[in-house]
Amino acid sequence: MTYVLIPGAGGSADYWHLLTAELSRHGHDSVAVDLPADDDTAALPEYADIVRAAIGDRSEVVLVAQSLGAFTAPLVADDPRVATVVLVNPMIPAPGETPGQWWEATGQARARTAYALAEGRTPSDDVDLTVDFLHDVPAPVVDRLMAAEPRGESEAVFVRPNPLRRWPDVPTRVVTGRDDRFFPADFQRRLARERLGVDVDLLPGGHLLALSQPARLARQVLSYR
């Protein structure tokens, strides 16, 4: 099998560099897709086209999608070459829902606030990269990440229509970080059950499992073979 890796917001293929190394160590090929997050003309249909092109002539492909990447994965998963979809700390979309609509529709802000209070932290509407995403990522990995040129996400992805009409009939798994402060585990568990009818597989770690727990994530992904 080949593992095609779809990044989250920012669209950087480099997000997956530790996971690709782990998959290679286990003898598996992987392709980390780079998405044009800074292109104001590109949105979900264009992202899906890029992922399809990355699949190429491969067969028995596993799509692995991080966070926002869960909006792109189902637009590609109807391809007969796709055997399985693995969503990691995902923004699981409803049919026709845009990424911009997802936040309010799912109650993410309320879940994030409740989790912060439960942990004894002061809730904030602002996103703090260190608090929300990097709290469990090893320092050398953080240094590499911070040294790279920052990449935002085009507004087009959040507002242009989502062509998804139903989730494709392909086996779909959801991996959740037990310590995710941005999308708390109970929140992800509820969405996975409501929108996909599946339970989550829980791993220790926060929102960026491919950076904080690459070996564990690789083993979990490989277990779905």
C-alpha atoms as a PDB file:
ATOM      1  CA  MET A   1       0.000   0.000   0.000  1.00  0.00           C
ATOM      2  CA  THR A   2       0.960   3.619  -0.524  1.00  0.00           C
ATOM      3  CA  TYR A   3       0.071   6.242   2.051  1.00  0.00           C
ATOM      4  CA  VAL A   4      -0.930   9.602   0.602  1.00  0.00           C
ATOM      5  CA  LEU A   5      -0.704  12.251   3.313  1.00  0.00           C
ATOM      6  CA  ILE A   6      -2.914  15.364   3.210  1.00  0.00           C
ATOM      7  CA  PRO A   7      -1.820  18.231   5.488  1.00  0.00           C
ATOM      8  CA  GLY A   8      -4.057  20.527   7.485  1.00  0.00           C
ATOM      9  CA  ALA A   9      -4.162  24.326   7.457  1.00  0.00           C
ATOM     10  CA  GLY A  10      -1.122  25.833   5.777  1.00  0.00           C
ATOM     11  CA  GLY A  11      -0.902  22.918   3.367  1.00  0.00           C
ATOM     12  CA  SER A  12       2.728  22.046   4.051  1.00  0.00           C
ATOM     13  CA  ALA A  13       3.919  18.578   3.075  1.00  0.00           C
ATOM     14  CA  ASP A  14       6.769  19.025   5.560  1.00  0.00           C
ATOM     15  CA  TYR A  15       4.293  18.539   8.402  1.00  0.00           C
ATOM     16  CA  TRP A  16       4.501  14.812   7.632  1.00  0.00           C
ATOM     17  CA  HIS A  17       8.303  14.479   7.555  1.00  0.00           C
ATOM     18  CA  LEU A  18       8.537  12.364  10.719  1.00  0.00           C
ATOM     19  CA  LEU A  19       5.635  10.120   9.753  1.00  0.00           C
ATOM     20  CA  THR A  20       7.033   9.471   6.280  1.00  0.00           C
ATOM     21  CA  ALA A  21      10.303   8.405   7.911  1.00  0.00           C
ATOM     22  CA  GLU A  22       8.428   6.026  10.214  1.00  0.00           C
ATOM     23  CA  LEU A  23       6.405   4.523   7.367  1.00  0.00           C
ATOM     24  CA  SER A  24       9.586   4.055   5.356  1.00  0.00           C
ATOM     25  CA  ARG A  25      11.223   2.338   8.337  1.00  0.00           C
ATOM     26  CA  HIS A  26       8.348  -0.142   8.272  1.00  0.00           C
ATOM     27  CA  GLY A  27       8.866  -0.700   4.541  1.00  0.00           C
ATOM     28  CA  HIS A  28       5.992   1.390   3.184  1.00  0.00           C
ATOM     29  CA  ASP A  29       5.918   4.104   0.553  1.00  0.00           C
ATOM     30  CA  SER A  30       4.270   7.434   1.269  1.00  0.00           C
ATOM     31  CA  VAL A  31       3.592  10.652  -0.602  1.00  0.00           C
ATOM     32  CA  ALA A  32       3.194  13.881   1.359  1.00  0.00           C
ATOM     33  CA  VAL A  33       1.082  16.326  -0.637  1.00  0.00           C
ATOM     34  CA  ASP A  34       1.873  20.038  -0.686  1.00  0.00           C
ATOM     35  CA  LEU A  35      -1.238  22.194  -1.088  1.00  0.00           C
ATOM     36  CA  PRO A  36      -1.324  25.804  -2.391  1.00  0.00           C
ATOM     37  CA  ALA A  37      -2.661  27.313   0.817  1.00  0.00           C
ATOM     38  CA  ASP A  38      -1.427  30.785  -0.161  1.00  0.00           C
ATOM     39  CA  ASP A  39      -3.268  30.749  -3.500  1.00  0.00           C
ATOM     40  CA  ASP A  40      -6.453  32.801  -3.222  1.00  0.00           C
ATOM     41  CA  THR A  41      -7.909  31.055  -6.282  1.00  0.00           C
ATOM     42  CA  ALA A  42      -7.521  27.540  -4.871  1.00  0.00           C
ATOM     43  CA  ALA A  43     -10.120  25.856  -2.678  1.00  0.00           C
ATOM     44  CA  LEU A  44     -11.345  22.337  -1.939  1.00  0.00           C
ATOM     45  CA  PRO A  45     -11.928  21.207  -5.566  1.00  0.00           C
ATOM     46  CA  GLU A  46      -8.436  22.320  -6.538  1.00  0.00           C
ATOM     47  CA  TYR A  47      -6.980  20.633  -3.449  1.00  0.00           C
ATOM     48  CA  ALA A  48      -8.746  17.399  -4.396  1.00  0.00           C
ATOM     49  CA  ASP A  49      -7.325  17.578  -7.931  1.00  0.00           C
ATOM     50  CA  ILE A  50      -3.808  17.931  -6.528  1.00  0.00           C
ATOM     51  CA  VAL A  51      -4.263  14.895  -4.262  1.00  0.00           C
ATOM     52  CA  ARG A  52      -5.623  12.831  -7.158  1.00  0.00           C
ATOM     53  CA  ALA A  53      -2.585  13.804  -9.205  1.00  0.00           C
ATOM     54  CA  ALA A  54      -0.327  12.744  -6.329  1.00  0.00           C
ATOM     55  CA  ILE A  55      -1.944   9.290  -6.317  1.00  0.00           C
ATOM     56  CA  GLY A  56      -0.887   8.916  -9.944  1.00  0.00           C
ATOM     57  CA  ASP A  57      -0.939   5.329 -11.164  1.00  0.00           C
ATOM     58  CA  ARG A  58      -0.721   3.843  -7.675  1.00  0.00           C
ATOM     59  CA  SER A  59      -3.303   1.379  -6.413  1.00  0.00           C
ATOM     60  CA  GLU A  60      -4.318   0.341  -2.887  1.00  0.00           C
ATOM     61  CA  VAL A  61      -3.892   3.852  -1.534  1.00  0.00           C
ATOM     62  CA  VAL A  62      -4.551   4.909   2.054  1.00  0.00           C
ATOM     63  CA  LEU A  63      -5.439   8.583   2.421  1.00  0.00           C
ATOM     64  CA  VAL A  64      -4.252  10.068   5.717  1.00  0.00           C
ATOM     65  CA  ALA A  65      -5.674  13.533   6.382  1.00  0.00           C
ATOM     66  CA  GLN A  66      -4.795  15.932   9.187  1.00  0.00           C
ATOM     67  CA  SER A  67      -7.320  18.407  10.652  1.00  0.00           C
ATOM     68  CA  LEU A  68      -8.556  20.627   7.769  1.00  0.00           C
ATOM     69  CA  GLY A  69      -7.385  17.905   5.388  1.00  0.00           C
ATOM     70  CA  ALA A  70     -10.524  15.976   6.342  1.00  0.00           C
ATOM     71  CA  PHE A  71     -12.434  18.295   4.003  1.00  0.00           C
ATOM     72  CA  THR A  72     -10.269  17.272   1.044  1.00  0.00           C
ATOM     73  CA  ALA A  73     -10.072  13.527   1.738  1.00  0.00           C
ATOM     74  CA  PRO A  74     -13.720  12.614   0.980  1.00  0.00           C
ATOM     75  CA  LEU A  75     -13.552  14.487  -2.322  1.00  0.00           C
ATOM     76  CA  VAL A  76     -10.834  12.048  -3.384  1.00  0.00           C
ATOM     77  CA  ALA A  77     -11.970   8.901  -1.555  1.00  0.00           C
ATOM     78  CA  ASP A  78     -14.462   7.929  -4.271  1.00  0.00           C
ATOM     79  CA  ASP A  79     -11.452   7.121  -6.470  1.00  0.00           C
ATOM     80  CA  PRO A  80     -11.336   3.319  -6.877  1.00  0.00           C
ATOM     81  CA  ARG A  81      -7.628   3.379  -6.076  1.00  0.00           C
ATOM     82  CA  VAL A  82      -8.395   4.518  -2.508  1.00  0.00           C
ATOM     83  CA  ALA A  83      -8.768   1.578  -0.118  1.00  0.00           C
ATOM     84  CA  THR A  84      -9.008   3.365   3.237  1.00  0.00           C
ATOM     85  CA  VAL A  85      -9.275   6.861   4.687  1.00  0.00           C
ATOM     86  CA  VAL A  86      -7.607   7.736   7.994  1.00  0.00           C
ATOM     87  CA  LEU A  87      -8.564  11.061   9.571  1.00  0.00           C
ATOM     88  CA  VAL A  88      -6.236  12.468  12.236  1.00  0.00           C
ATOM     89  CA  ASN A  89      -7.652  15.041  14.688  1.00  0.00           C
ATOM     90  CA  PRO A  90     -10.032  15.935  11.878  1.00  0.00           C
ATOM     91  CA  MET A  91     -12.512  18.611  10.945  1.00  0.00           C
ATOM     92  CA  ILE A  92     -15.107  16.045   9.852  1.00  0.00           C
ATOM     93  CA  PRO A  93     -17.401  17.787   7.358  1.00  0.00           C
ATOM     94  CA  ALA A  94     -21.108  17.377   6.857  1.00  0.00           C
ATOM     95  CA  PRO A  95     -22.264  17.236   3.217  1.00  0.00           C
ATOM     96  CA  GLY A  96     -22.132  20.688   1.658  1.00  0.00           C
ATOM     97  CA  GLU A  97     -20.666  22.282   4.782  1.00  0.00           C
ATOM     98  CA  THR A  98     -17.786  24.687   4.218  1.00  0.00           C
ATOM     99  CA  PRO A  99     -14.778  24.849   6.528  1.00  0.00           C
ATOM    100  CA  GLY A 100     -15.932  28.331   7.485  1.00  0.00           C
ATOM    101  CA  GLN A 101     -19.327  27.019   8.612  1.00  0.00           C
ATOM    102  CA  TRP A 102     -17.870  24.043  10.450  1.00  0.00           C
ATOM    103  CA  TRP A 103     -16.759  25.898  13.587  1.00  0.00           C
ATOM    104  CA  GLU A 104     -20.161  27.155  14.667  1.00  0.00           C
ATOM    105  CA  ALA A 105     -22.052  24.126  13.381  1.00  0.00           C
ATOM    106  CA  THR A 106     -19.965  21.754  15.517  1.00  0.00           C
ATOM    107  CA  GLY A 107     -19.638  23.867  18.671  1.00  0.00           C
ATOM    108  CA  GLN A 108     -15.835  23.719  18.564  1.00  0.00           C
ATOM    109  CA  ALA A 109     -15.347  26.950  20.529  1.00  0.00           C
ATOM    110  CA  ARG A 110     -17.531  25.756  23.409  1.00  0.00           C
ATOM    111  CA  ALA A 111     -15.729  22.420  23.522  1.00  0.00           C
ATOM    112  CA  ARG A 112     -12.326  24.107  23.511  1.00  0.00           C
ATOM    113  CA  THR A 113     -13.347  26.477  26.319  1.00  0.00           C
ATOM    114  CA  ALA A 114     -14.772  23.670  28.460  1.00  0.00           C
ATOM    115  CA  TYR A 115     -11.607  21.610  28.029  1.00  0.00           C
ATOM    116  CA  ALA A 116      -9.370  24.545  28.993  1.00  0.00           C
ATOM    117  CA  LEU A 117     -11.394  25.071  32.164  1.00  0.00           C
ATOM    118  CA  ALA A 118     -11.259  21.357  32.983  1.00  0.00           C
ATOM    119  CA  GLU A 119      -7.454  21.498  32.680  1.00  0.00           C
ATOM    120  CA  GLY A 120      -7.240  24.601  34.878  1.00  0.00           C
ATOM    121  CA  ARG A 121      -6.226  26.881  32.016  1.00  0.00           C
ATOM    122  CA  THR A 122      -7.707  30.297  31.255  1.00  0.00           C
ATOM    123  CA  PRO A 123      -9.840  30.064  28.104  1.00  0.00           C
ATOM    124  CA  SER A 124      -9.075  32.452  25.269  1.00  0.00           C
ATOM    125  CA  ASP A 125     -10.745  33.141  21.941  1.00  0.00           C
ATOM    126  CA  ASP A 126      -7.326  33.764  20.444  1.00  0.00           C
ATOM    127  CA  VAL A 127      -5.267  30.925  19.049  1.00  0.00           C
ATOM    128  CA  ASP A 128      -1.877  30.562  20.737  1.00  0.00           C
ATOM    129  CA  LEU A 129       0.453  28.376  18.696  1.00  0.00           C
ATOM    130  CA  THR A 130       2.430  27.250  21.748  1.00  0.00           C
ATOM    131  CA  VAL A 131      -0.537  26.609  24.033  1.00  0.00           C
ATOM    132  CA  ASP A 132      -2.928  25.097  21.516  1.00  0.00           C
ATOM    133  CA  PHE A 133      -0.638  23.162  19.183  1.00  0.00           C
ATOM    134  CA  LEU A 134       2.972  22.825  20.332  1.00  0.00           C
ATOM    135  CA  HIS A 135       2.566  22.004  24.028  1.00  0.00           C
ATOM    136  CA  ASP A 136       3.606  18.354  23.537  1.00  0.00           C
ATOM    137  CA  VAL A 137       5.893  18.659  20.486  1.00  0.00           C
ATOM    138  CA  PRO A 138       9.620  18.049  21.198  1.00  0.00           C
ATOM    139  CA  ALA A 139      11.759  21.176  21.247  1.00  0.00           C
ATOM    140  CA  PRO A 140      13.943  20.257  18.211  1.00  0.00           C
ATOM    141  CA  VAL A 141      10.803  19.708  16.133  1.00  0.00           C
ATOM    142  CA  VAL A 142       9.378  23.025  17.324  1.00  0.00           C
ATOM    143  CA  ASP A 143      12.632  24.761  16.374  1.00  0.00           C
ATOM    144  CA  ARG A 144      12.445  23.301  12.863  1.00  0.00           C
ATOM    145  CA  LEU A 145       8.823  24.335  12.547  1.00  0.00           C
ATOM    146  CA  MET A 146       9.442  27.877  13.751  1.00  0.00           C
ATOM    147  CA  ALA A 147      12.425  28.300  11.421  1.00  0.00           C
ATOM    148  CA  ALA A 148      10.262  27.619   8.372  1.00  0.00           C
ATOM    149  CA  GLU A 149       8.408  30.406   6.614  1.00  0.00           C
ATOM    150  CA  PRO A 150       4.919  30.617   8.135  1.00  0.00           C
ATOM    151  CA  ARG A 151       2.047  29.562   5.884  1.00  0.00           C
ATOM    152  CA  GLY A 152      -1.520  30.681   6.373  1.00  0.00           C
ATOM    153  CA  GLU A 153      -4.630  29.374   4.658  1.00  0.00           C
ATOM    154  CA  SER A 154      -6.437  31.076   1.801  1.00  0.00           C
ATOM    155  CA  GLU A 155      -9.875  32.453   2.675  1.00  0.00           C
ATOM    156  CA  ALA A 156     -11.214  30.724  -0.453  1.00  0.00           C
ATOM    157  CA  VAL A 157     -10.968  27.337   1.250  1.00  0.00           C
ATOM    158  CA  PHE A 158     -13.283  28.505   4.024  1.00  0.00           C
ATOM    159  CA  VAL A 159     -15.939  30.238   1.942  1.00  0.00           C
ATOM    160  CA  ARG A 160     -16.160  28.572  -1.462  1.00  0.00           C
ATOM    161  CA  PRO A 161     -18.816  25.832  -1.782  1.00  0.00           C
ATOM    162  CA  ASN A 162     -17.968  22.319  -0.682  1.00  0.00           C
ATOM    163  CA  PRO A 163     -19.033  19.860  -3.426  1.00  0.00           C
ATOM    164  CA  LEU A 164     -19.299  16.936  -0.969  1.00  0.00           C
ATOM    165  CA  ARG A 165     -22.783  15.391  -1.193  1.00  0.00           C
ATOM    166  CA  ARG A 166     -22.212  12.280   0.918  1.00  0.00           C
ATOM    167  CA  TRP A 167     -19.310  10.493   2.524  1.00  0.00           C
ATOM    168  CA  PRO A 168     -17.857   7.976   0.040  1.00  0.00           C
ATOM    169  CA  ASP A 169     -18.433   4.291   0.670  1.00  0.00           C
ATOM    170  CA  VAL A 170     -14.883   3.561   1.781  1.00  0.00           C
ATOM    171  CA  PRO A 171     -13.626   2.338   5.169  1.00  0.00           C
ATOM    172  CA  THR A 172     -12.880   5.391   7.293  1.00  0.00           C
ATOM    173  CA  ARG A 173     -10.973   5.512  10.590  1.00  0.00           C
ATOM    174  CA  VAL A 174     -10.535   8.408  12.985  1.00  0.00           C
ATOM    175  CA  VAL A 175      -7.441   8.890  15.146  1.00  0.00           C
ATOM    176  CA  THR A 176      -7.766  11.343  18.003  1.00  0.00           C
ATOM    177  CA  GLY A 177      -5.169  12.947  20.245  1.00  0.00           C
ATOM    178  CA  ARG A 178      -6.146  12.360  23.856  1.00  0.00           C
ATOM    179  CA  ASP A 179      -4.555  15.685  24.818  1.00  0.00           C
ATOM    180  CA  ASP A 180      -5.718  17.794  21.875  1.00  0.00           C
ATOM    181  CA  ARG A 181      -6.499  21.257  23.265  1.00  0.00           C
ATOM    182  CA  PHE A 182      -7.884  22.669  20.004  1.00  0.00           C
ATOM    183  CA  PHE A 183     -10.282  19.832  19.127  1.00  0.00           C
ATOM    184  CA  PRO A 184     -10.766  18.056  22.471  1.00  0.00           C
ATOM    185  CA  ALA A 185     -11.048  14.272  22.370  1.00  0.00           C
ATOM    186  CA  ASP A 186     -14.669  14.119  23.567  1.00  0.00           C
ATOM    187  CA  PHE A 187     -15.613  16.670  20.902  1.00  0.00           C
ATOM    188  CA  GLN A 188     -13.913  14.596  18.191  1.00  0.00           C
ATOM    189  CA  ARG A 189     -15.527  11.429  19.500  1.00  0.00           C
ATOM    190  CA  ARG A 190     -18.991  13.000  19.255  1.00  0.00           C
ATOM    191  CA  LEU A 191     -18.435  14.249  15.717  1.00  0.00           C
ATOM    192  CA  ALA A 192     -17.061  10.905  14.535  1.00  0.00           C
ATOM    193  CA  ARG A 193     -20.139   9.108  15.852  1.00  0.00           C
ATOM    194  CA  GLU A 194     -22.648  11.680  14.583  1.00  0.00           C
ATOM    195  CA  ARG A 195     -21.160  12.262  11.154  1.00  0.00           C
ATOM    196  CA  LEU A 196     -19.456   8.976  10.290  1.00  0.00           C
ATOM    197  CA  GLY A 197     -20.981   6.447  12.676  1.00  0.00           C
ATOM    198  CA  VAL A 198     -17.525   5.348  13.850  1.00  0.00           C
ATOM    199  CA  ASP A 199     -15.617   5.389  17.119  1.00  0.00           C
ATOM    200  CA  VAL A 200     -12.242   7.077  17.442  1.00  0.00           C
ATOM    201  CA  ASP A 201      -8.917   5.439  18.165  1.00  0.00           C
ATOM    202  CA  LEU A 202      -7.270   7.387  20.956  1.00  0.00           C
ATOM    203  CA  LEU A 203      -3.533   8.114  21.097  1.00  0.00           C
ATOM    204  CA  PRO A 204      -1.587  10.134  23.660  1.00  0.00           C
ATOM    205  CA  GLY A 205      -0.722  13.548  22.288  1.00  0.00           C
ATOM    206  CA  GLY A 206      -2.176  16.818  21.124  1.00  0.00           C
ATOM    207  CA  HIS A 207      -3.370  18.212  17.810  1.00  0.00           C
ATOM    208  CA  LEU A 208      -0.123  17.594  15.910  1.00  0.00           C
ATOM    209  CA  LEU A 209       0.297  13.857  16.395  1.00  0.00           C
ATOM    210  CA  ALA A 210       2.539  13.474  13.352  1.00  0.00           C
ATOM    211  CA  LEU A 211       5.047  15.756  15.093  1.00  0.00           C
ATOM    212  CA  SER A 212       4.613  14.698  18.720  1.00  0.00           C
ATOM    213  CA  GLN A 213       3.901  10.964  18.334  1.00  0.00           C
ATOM    214  CA  PRO A 214       5.083   9.896  14.845  1.00  0.00           C
ATOM    215  CA  ALA A 215       6.003   6.334  15.827  1.00  0.00           C
ATOM    216  CA  ARG A 216       2.700   5.705  17.613  1.00  0.00           C
ATOM    217  CA  LEU A 217       0.752   7.306  14.773  1.00  0.00           C
ATOM    218  CA  ALA A 218       2.576   5.190  12.196  1.00  0.00           C
ATOM    219  CA  ARG A 219       1.760   1.997  14.096  1.00  0.00           C
ATOM    220  CA  GLN A 220      -1.881   3.030  14.381  1.00  0.00           C
ATOM    221  CA  VAL A 221      -2.161   3.865  10.694  1.00  0.00           C
ATOM    222  CA  LEU A 222      -0.447   0.620   9.699  1.00  0.00           C
ATOM    223  CA  SER A 223      -2.804  -1.380  11.896  1.00  0.00           C
ATOM    224  CA  TYR A 224      -5.661  -0.525   9.531  1.00  0.00           C
ATOM    225  CA  ARG A 225      -4.215  -2.670   6.761  1.00  0.00           C
END
